[in-house]
PDB file of all heavy atoms in Angstrom:
ATOM      1  N   ASP A   1     -46.220  57.851  27.506  1.00  0.00           N
ATOM      2  CA  ASP A   1     -46.821  56.524  27.439  1.00  0.00           C
ATOM      3  C   ASP A   1     -47.228  56.029  28.820  1.00  0.00           C
ATOM      4  O   ASP A   1     -46.981  56.680  29.838  1.00  0.00           O
ATOM      5  CB  ASP A   1     -45.844  55.536  26.803  1.00  0.00           C
ATOM      6  CG  ASP A   1     -45.709  55.719  25.313  1.00  0.00           C
ATOM      7  OD1 ASP A   1     -46.484  56.515  24.730  1.00  0.00           O
ATOM      8  OD2 ASP A   1     -44.827  55.072  24.718  1.00  0.00           O
ATOM      9  N   SER A   2     -47.838  54.852  28.841  1.00  0.00           N
ATOM     10  CA  SER A   2     -48.312  54.246  30.075  1.00  0.00           C
ATOM     11  C   SER A   2     -47.748  52.845  30.253  1.00  0.00           C
ATOM     12  O   SER A   2     -47.428  52.157  29.279  1.00  0.00           O
ATOM     13  CB  SER A   2     -49.839  54.162  30.081  1.00  0.00           C
ATOM     14  OG  SER A   2     -50.433  55.440  30.038  1.00  0.00           O
ATOM     15  N   LEU A   3     -47.638  52.431  31.491  1.00  0.00           N
ATOM     16  CA  LEU A   3     -47.275  51.069  31.860  1.00  0.00           C
ATOM     17  C   LEU A   3     -48.076  50.675  33.082  1.00  0.00           C
ATOM     18  O   LEU A   3     -48.439  51.529  33.895  1.00  0.00           O
ATOM     19  CB  LEU A   3     -45.791  50.954  32.207  1.00  0.00           C
ATOM     20  CG  LEU A   3     -44.764  50.847  31.096  1.00  0.00           C
ATOM     21  CD1 LEU A   3     -43.362  50.874  31.715  1.00  0.00           C
ATOM     22  CD2 LEU A   3     -44.958  49.569  30.285  1.00  0.00           C
ATOM     23  N   ARG A   4     -48.331  49.386  33.219  1.00  0.00           N
ATOM     24  CA  ARG A   4     -48.919  48.873  34.439  1.00  0.00           C
ATOM     25  C   ARG A   4     -47.996  47.831  35.036  1.00  0.00           C
ATOM     26  O   ARG A   4     -47.720  46.803  34.419  1.00  0.00           O
ATOM     27  CB  ARG A   4     -50.302  48.260  34.211  1.00  0.00           C
ATOM     28  CG  ARG A   4     -51.004  47.938  35.541  1.00  0.00           C
ATOM     29  CD  ARG A   4     -52.404  47.426  35.376  1.00  0.00           C
ATOM     30  NE  ARG A   4     -52.435  46.004  35.039  1.00  0.00           N
ATOM     31  CZ  ARG A   4     -53.476  45.213  35.248  1.00  0.00           C
ATOM     32  NH1 ARG A   4     -54.594  45.712  35.783  1.00  0.00           N
ATOM     33  NH2 ARG A   4     -53.419  43.945  34.897  1.00  0.00           N
ATOM     34  N   LEU A   5     -47.529  48.096  36.236  1.00  0.00           N
ATOM     35  CA  LEU A   5     -46.705  47.156  36.961  1.00  0.00           C
ATOM     36  C   LEU A   5     -47.583  46.265  37.832  1.00  0.00           C
ATOM     37  O   LEU A   5     -48.612  46.694  38.350  1.00  0.00           O
ATOM     38  CB  LEU A   5     -45.703  47.883  37.851  1.00  0.00           C
ATOM     39  CG  LEU A   5     -44.793  48.916  37.179  1.00  0.00           C
ATOM     40  CD1 LEU A   5     -43.811  49.476  38.203  1.00  0.00           C
ATOM     41  CD2 LEU A   5     -44.062  48.303  35.998  1.00  0.00           C
ATOM     42  N   SER A   6     -47.147  45.026  37.991  1.00  0.00           N
ATOM     43  CA  SER A   6     -47.831  44.085  38.861  1.00  0.00           C
ATOM     44  C   SER A   6     -46.864  43.557  39.903  1.00  0.00           C
ATOM     45  O   SER A   6     -45.663  43.453  39.654  1.00  0.00           O
ATOM     46  CB  SER A   6     -48.398  42.906  38.061  1.00  0.00           C
ATOM     47  OG  SER A   6     -49.363  43.337  37.127  1.00  0.00           O
ATOM     48  N   CYS A   7     -47.395  43.224  41.048  1.00  0.00           N
ATOM     49  CA  CYS A   7     -46.620  42.609  42.117  1.00  0.00           C
ATOM     50  C   CYS A   7     -47.404  41.406  42.610  1.00  0.00           C
ATOM     51  O   CYS A   7     -48.455  41.570  43.244  1.00  0.00           O
ATOM     52  CB  CYS A   7     -46.381  43.607  43.243  1.00  0.00           C
ATOM     53  SG  CYS A   7     -45.559  42.905  44.691  1.00  0.00           S
ATOM     54  N   ALA A   8     -46.907  40.225  42.317  1.00  0.00           N
ATOM     55  CA  ALA A   8     -47.560  38.986  42.724  1.00  0.00           C
ATOM     56  C   ALA A   8     -46.976  38.507  44.044  1.00  0.00           C
ATOM     57  O   ALA A   8     -45.757  38.423  44.191  1.00  0.00           O
ATOM     58  CB  ALA A   8     -47.386  37.924  41.646  1.00  0.00           C
ATOM     59  N   ALA A   9     -47.842  38.184  44.978  1.00  0.00           N
ATOM     60  CA  ALA A   9     -47.431  37.758  46.309  1.00  0.00           C
ATOM     61  C   ALA A   9     -47.773  36.299  46.540  1.00  0.00           C
ATOM     62  O   ALA A   9     -48.790  35.801  46.061  1.00  0.00           O
ATOM     63  CB  ALA A   9     -48.105  38.618  47.374  1.00  0.00           C
ATOM     64  N   SER A  10     -46.917  35.634  47.292  1.00  0.00           N
ATOM     65  CA  SER A  10     -47.170  34.254  47.673  1.00  0.00           C
ATOM     66  C   SER A  10     -46.539  33.989  49.032  1.00  0.00           C
ATOM     67  O   SER A  10     -45.693  34.749  49.497  1.00  0.00           O
ATOM     68  CB  SER A  10     -46.618  33.281  46.632  1.00  0.00           C
ATOM     69  OG  SER A  10     -45.205  33.400  46.525  1.00  0.00           O
ATOM     70  N   GLY A  11     -46.949  32.901  49.668  1.00  0.00           N
ATOM     71  CA  GLY A  11     -46.354  32.481  50.925  1.00  0.00           C
ATOM     72  C   GLY A  11     -47.215  32.719  52.158  1.00  0.00           C
ATOM     73  O   GLY A  11     -47.164  31.939  53.103  1.00  0.00           O
ATOM     74  N   ARG A  12     -47.974  33.783  52.151  1.00  0.00           N
ATOM     75  CA  ARG A  12     -48.874  34.109  53.246  1.00  0.00           C
ATOM     76  C   ARG A  12     -50.101  34.821  52.696  1.00  0.00           C
ATOM     77  O   ARG A  12     -50.118  35.244  51.537  1.00  0.00           O
ATOM     78  CB  ARG A  12     -48.183  34.979  54.294  1.00  0.00           C
ATOM     79  CG  ARG A  12     -47.107  34.268  55.094  1.00  0.00           C
ATOM     80  CD  ARG A  12     -47.711  33.237  56.042  1.00  0.00           C
ATOM     81  NE  ARG A  12     -46.708  32.597  56.871  1.00  0.00           N
ATOM     82  CZ  ARG A  12     -46.034  31.499  56.539  1.00  0.00           C
ATOM     83  NH1 ARG A  12     -46.249  30.919  55.357  1.00  0.00           N
ATOM     84  NH2 ARG A  12     -45.143  30.986  57.375  1.00  0.00           N
ATOM     85  N   THR A  13     -51.084  34.980  53.545  1.00  0.00           N
ATOM     86  CA  THR A  13     -52.326  35.619  53.124  1.00  0.00           C
ATOM     87  C   THR A  13     -52.075  37.067  52.735  1.00  0.00           C
ATOM     88  O   THR A  13     -51.685  37.892  53.563  1.00  0.00           O
ATOM     89  CB  THR A  13     -53.372  35.548  54.234  1.00  0.00           C
ATOM     90  OG1 THR A  13     -53.593  34.184  54.592  1.00  0.00           O
ATOM     91  CG2 THR A  13     -54.690  36.160  53.777  1.00  0.00           C
ATOM     92  N   PHE A  14     -52.308  37.374  51.474  1.00  0.00           N
ATOM     93  CA  PHE A  14     -52.016  38.686  50.930  1.00  0.00           C
ATOM     94  C   PHE A  14     -52.784  39.790  51.642  1.00  0.00           C
ATOM     95  O   PHE A  14     -52.260  40.885  51.870  1.00  0.00           O
ATOM     96  CB  PHE A  14     -52.330  38.679  49.434  1.00  0.00           C
ATOM     97  CG  PHE A  14     -52.047  39.969  48.737  1.00  0.00           C
ATOM     98  CD1 PHE A  14     -50.762  40.460  48.635  1.00  0.00           C
ATOM     99  CD2 PHE A  14     -53.084  40.692  48.166  1.00  0.00           C
ATOM    100  CE1 PHE A  14     -50.498  41.642  47.978  1.00  0.00           C
ATOM    101  CE2 PHE A  14     -52.837  41.876  47.495  1.00  0.00           C
ATOM    102  CZ  PHE A  14     -51.541  42.358  47.404  1.00  0.00           C
ATOM    103  N   SER A  15     -54.020  39.504  51.996  1.00  0.00           N
ATOM    104  CA  SER A  15     -54.865  40.523  52.603  1.00  0.00           C
ATOM    105  C   SER A  15     -54.383  40.961  53.983  1.00  0.00           C
ATOM    106  O   SER A  15     -54.876  41.953  54.516  1.00  0.00           O
ATOM    107  CB  SER A  15     -56.315  40.034  52.689  1.00  0.00           C
ATOM    108  OG  SER A  15     -56.404  38.863  53.492  1.00  0.00           O
ATOM    109  N   ASN A  16     -53.445  40.245  54.569  1.00  0.00           N
ATOM    110  CA  ASN A  16     -52.891  40.616  55.865  1.00  0.00           C
ATOM    111  C   ASN A  16     -51.856  41.731  55.775  1.00  0.00           C
ATOM    112  O   ASN A  16     -51.395  42.217  56.811  1.00  0.00           O
ATOM    113  CB  ASN A  16     -52.234  39.414  56.543  1.00  0.00           C
ATOM    114  CG  ASN A  16     -53.231  38.380  57.033  1.00  0.00           C
ATOM    115  OD1 ASN A  16     -52.851  37.258  57.339  1.00  0.00           O
ATOM    116  ND2 ASN A  16     -54.497  38.748  57.108  1.00  0.00           N
ATOM    117  N   TYR A  17     -51.478  42.131  54.563  1.00  0.00           N
ATOM    118  CA  TYR A  17     -50.365  43.048  54.385  1.00  0.00           C
ATOM    119  C   TYR A  17     -50.771  44.369  53.760  1.00  0.00           C
ATOM    120  O   TYR A  17     -51.516  44.408  52.778  1.00  0.00           O
ATOM    121  CB  TYR A  17     -49.293  42.410  53.498  1.00  0.00           C
ATOM    122  CG  TYR A  17     -48.661  41.195  54.111  1.00  0.00           C
ATOM    123  CD1 TYR A  17     -49.203  39.935  53.898  1.00  0.00           C
ATOM    124  CD2 TYR A  17     -47.531  41.312  54.910  1.00  0.00           C
ATOM    125  CE1 TYR A  17     -48.635  38.814  54.474  1.00  0.00           C
ATOM    126  CE2 TYR A  17     -46.956  40.194  55.483  1.00  0.00           C
ATOM    127  CZ  TYR A  17     -47.511  38.947  55.266  1.00  0.00           C
ATOM    128  OH  TYR A  17     -46.941  37.841  55.828  1.00  0.00           O
ATOM    129  N   GLY A  18     -50.253  45.433  54.346  1.00  0.00           N
ATOM    130  CA  GLY A  18     -50.242  46.691  53.635  1.00  0.00           C
ATOM    131  C   GLY A  18     -49.150  46.631  52.580  1.00  0.00           C
ATOM    132  O   GLY A  18     -48.154  45.926  52.744  1.00  0.00           O
ATOM    133  N   MET A  19     -49.322  47.364  51.507  1.00  0.00           N
ATOM    134  CA  MET A  19     -48.401  47.272  50.380  1.00  0.00           C
ATOM    135  C   MET A  19     -47.933  48.649  49.934  1.00  0.00           C
ATOM    136  O   MET A  19     -48.628  49.649  50.132  1.00  0.00           O
ATOM    137  CB  MET A  19     -49.069  46.573  49.198  1.00  0.00           C
ATOM    138  CG  MET A  19     -49.567  45.169  49.488  1.00  0.00           C
ATOM    139  SD  MET A  19     -48.212  43.990  49.774  1.00  0.00           S
ATOM    140  CE  MET A  19     -47.451  43.949  48.149  1.00  0.00           C
ATOM    141  N   GLY A  20     -46.775  48.664  49.307  1.00  0.00           N
ATOM    142  CA  GLY A  20     -46.259  49.915  48.792  1.00  0.00           C
ATOM    143  C   GLY A  20     -45.386  49.718  47.570  1.00  0.00           C
ATOM    144  O   GLY A  20     -44.903  48.615  47.300  1.00  0.00           O
ATOM    145  N   TRP A  21     -45.210  50.790  46.825  1.00  0.00           N
ATOM    146  CA  TRP A  21     -44.282  50.842  45.701  1.00  0.00           C
ATOM    147  C   TRP A  21     -43.202  51.878  45.997  1.00  0.00           C
ATOM    148  O   TRP A  21     -43.503  52.991  46.460  1.00  0.00           O
ATOM    149  CB  TRP A  21     -44.988  51.227  44.395  1.00  0.00           C
ATOM    150  CG  TRP A  21     -45.840  50.157  43.805  1.00  0.00           C
ATOM    151  CD1 TRP A  21     -47.193  50.034  43.906  1.00  0.00           C
ATOM    152  CD2 TRP A  21     -45.397  49.071  42.984  1.00  0.00           C
ATOM    153  NE1 TRP A  21     -47.621  48.941  43.207  1.00  0.00           N
ATOM    154  CE2 TRP A  21     -46.544  48.325  42.632  1.00  0.00           C
ATOM    155  CE3 TRP A  21     -44.156  48.653  42.517  1.00  0.00           C
ATOM    156  CZ2 TRP A  21     -46.479  47.183  41.831  1.00  0.00           C
ATOM    157  CZ3 TRP A  21     -44.089  47.515  41.724  1.00  0.00           C
ATOM    158  CH2 TRP A  21     -45.240  46.796  41.394  1.00  0.00           C
ATOM    159  N   PHE A  22     -41.964  51.503  45.714  1.00  0.00           N
ATOM    160  CA  PHE A  22     -40.821  52.403  45.804  1.00  0.00           C
ATOM    161  C   PHE A  22     -40.044  52.321  44.504  1.00  0.00           C
ATOM    162  O   PHE A  22     -40.205  51.383  43.728  1.00  0.00           O
ATOM    163  CB  PHE A  22     -39.914  52.025  46.976  1.00  0.00           C
ATOM    164  CG  PHE A  22     -40.531  52.263  48.327  1.00  0.00           C
ATOM    165  CD1 PHE A  22     -41.482  51.397  48.842  1.00  0.00           C
ATOM    166  CD2 PHE A  22     -40.156  53.364  49.079  1.00  0.00           C
ATOM    167  CE1 PHE A  22     -42.048  51.621  50.082  1.00  0.00           C
ATOM    168  CE2 PHE A  22     -40.718  53.601  50.332  1.00  0.00           C
ATOM    169  CZ  PHE A  22     -41.669  52.722  50.828  1.00  0.00           C
ATOM    170  N   ARG A  23     -39.198  53.293  44.278  1.00  0.00           N
ATOM    171  CA  ARG A  23     -38.347  53.254  43.092  1.00  0.00           C
ATOM    172  C   ARG A  23     -36.963  53.779  43.428  1.00  0.00           C
ATOM    173  O   ARG A  23     -36.775  54.556  44.357  1.00  0.00           O
ATOM    174  CB  ARG A  23     -38.958  54.051  41.937  1.00  0.00           C
ATOM    175  CG  ARG A  23     -39.075  55.545  42.194  1.00  0.00           C
ATOM    176  CD  ARG A  23     -39.862  56.207  41.079  1.00  0.00           C
ATOM    177  NE  ARG A  23     -39.939  57.650  41.230  1.00  0.00           N
ATOM    178  CZ  ARG A  23     -40.657  58.439  40.448  1.00  0.00           C
ATOM    179  NH1 ARG A  23     -41.373  57.928  39.451  1.00  0.00           N
ATOM    180  NH2 ARG A  23     -40.665  59.748  40.655  1.00  0.00           N
ATOM    181  N   GLN A  24     -35.995  53.351  42.631  1.00  0.00           N
ATOM    182  CA  GLN A  24     -34.624  53.757  42.865  1.00  0.00           C
ATOM    183  C   GLN A  24     -33.887  53.888  41.541  1.00  0.00           C
ATOM    184  O   GLN A  24     -33.798  52.932  40.774  1.00  0.00           O
ATOM    185  CB  GLN A  24     -33.908  52.751  43.762  1.00  0.00           C
ATOM    186  CG  GLN A  24     -32.536  53.200  44.216  1.00  0.00           C
ATOM    187  CD  GLN A  24     -32.004  52.360  45.356  1.00  0.00           C
ATOM    188  OE1 GLN A  24     -32.407  51.213  45.531  1.00  0.00           O
ATOM    189  NE2 GLN A  24     -31.121  52.932  46.140  1.00  0.00           N
ATOM    190  N   ALA A  25     -33.382  55.074  41.290  1.00  0.00           N
ATOM    191  CA  ALA A  25     -32.566  55.331  40.117  1.00  0.00           C
ATOM    192  C   ALA A  25     -31.096  55.165  40.486  1.00  0.00           C
ATOM    193  O   ALA A  25     -30.727  55.298  41.661  1.00  0.00           O
ATOM    194  CB  ALA A  25     -32.825  56.739  39.588  1.00  0.00           C
ATOM    195  N   PRO A  26     -30.233  54.881  39.512  1.00  0.00           N
ATOM    196  CA  PRO A  26     -28.807  54.706  39.818  1.00  0.00           C
ATOM    197  C   PRO A  26     -28.222  55.908  40.542  1.00  0.00           C
ATOM    198  O   PRO A  26     -28.427  57.055  40.137  1.00  0.00           O
ATOM    199  CB  PRO A  26     -28.179  54.536  38.436  1.00  0.00           C
ATOM    200  CG  PRO A  26     -29.273  53.971  37.594  1.00  0.00           C
ATOM    201  CD  PRO A  26     -30.521  54.645  38.095  1.00  0.00           C
ATOM    202  N   GLY A  27     -27.515  55.646  41.625  1.00  0.00           N
ATOM    203  CA  GLY A  27     -26.881  56.706  42.378  1.00  0.00           C
ATOM    204  C   GLY A  27     -27.795  57.508  43.270  1.00  0.00           C
ATOM    205  O   GLY A  27     -27.343  58.474  43.889  1.00  0.00           O
ATOM    206  N   LYS A  28     -29.059  57.133  43.356  1.00  0.00           N
ATOM    207  CA  LYS A  28     -30.011  57.857  44.176  1.00  0.00           C
ATOM    208  C   LYS A  28     -30.603  56.945  45.242  1.00  0.00           C
ATOM    209  O   LYS A  28     -30.557  55.723  45.136  1.00  0.00           O
ATOM    210  CB  LYS A  28     -31.125  58.443  43.313  1.00  0.00           C
ATOM    211  CG  LYS A  28     -30.639  59.397  42.240  1.00  0.00           C
ATOM    212  CD  LYS A  28     -31.776  60.046  41.491  1.00  0.00           C
ATOM    213  CE  LYS A  28     -32.546  61.010  42.366  1.00  0.00           C
ATOM    214  NZ  LYS A  28     -33.602  61.725  41.604  1.00  0.00           N
ATOM    215  N   GLU A  29     -31.159  57.558  46.252  1.00  0.00           N
ATOM    216  CA  GLU A  29     -31.766  56.792  47.332  1.00  0.00           C
ATOM    217  C   GLU A  29     -33.116  56.237  46.896  1.00  0.00           C
ATOM    218  O   GLU A  29     -33.739  56.727  45.948  1.00  0.00           O
ATOM    219  CB  GLU A  29     -31.924  57.665  48.578  1.00  0.00           C
ATOM    220  CG  GLU A  29     -32.905  58.808  48.399  1.00  0.00           C
ATOM    221  CD  GLU A  29     -32.991  59.694  49.628  1.00  0.00           C
ATOM    222  OE1 GLU A  29     -32.185  59.506  50.554  1.00  0.00           O
ATOM    223  OE2 GLU A  29     -33.867  60.577  49.660  1.00  0.00           O
ATOM    224  N   ARG A  30     -33.548  55.220  47.598  1.00  0.00           N
ATOM    225  CA  ARG A  30     -34.851  54.645  47.316  1.00  0.00           C
ATOM    226  C   ARG A  30     -35.946  55.649  47.665  1.00  0.00           C
ATOM    227  O   ARG A  30     -35.957  56.228  48.754  1.00  0.00           O
ATOM    228  CB  ARG A  30     -35.040  53.350  48.099  1.00  0.00           C
ATOM    229  CG  ARG A  30     -36.274  52.571  47.693  1.00  0.00           C
ATOM    230  CD  ARG A  30     -36.174  51.116  48.141  1.00  0.00           C
ATOM    231  NE  ARG A  30     -35.077  50.418  47.485  1.00  0.00           N
ATOM    232  CZ  ARG A  30     -34.850  49.128  47.583  1.00  0.00           C
ATOM    233  NH1 ARG A  30     -35.649  48.366  48.310  1.00  0.00           N
ATOM    234  NH2 ARG A  30     -33.809  48.587  46.955  1.00  0.00           N
TER     235      ARG A  30
END
């Protein structure tokens, strides 16, 4: 199956930031 995750930003100009996705499973490193 498929999913789409979203990340909403606020507080400062979004375009000023590089962005990334990380994941972490139980007992494992990020």
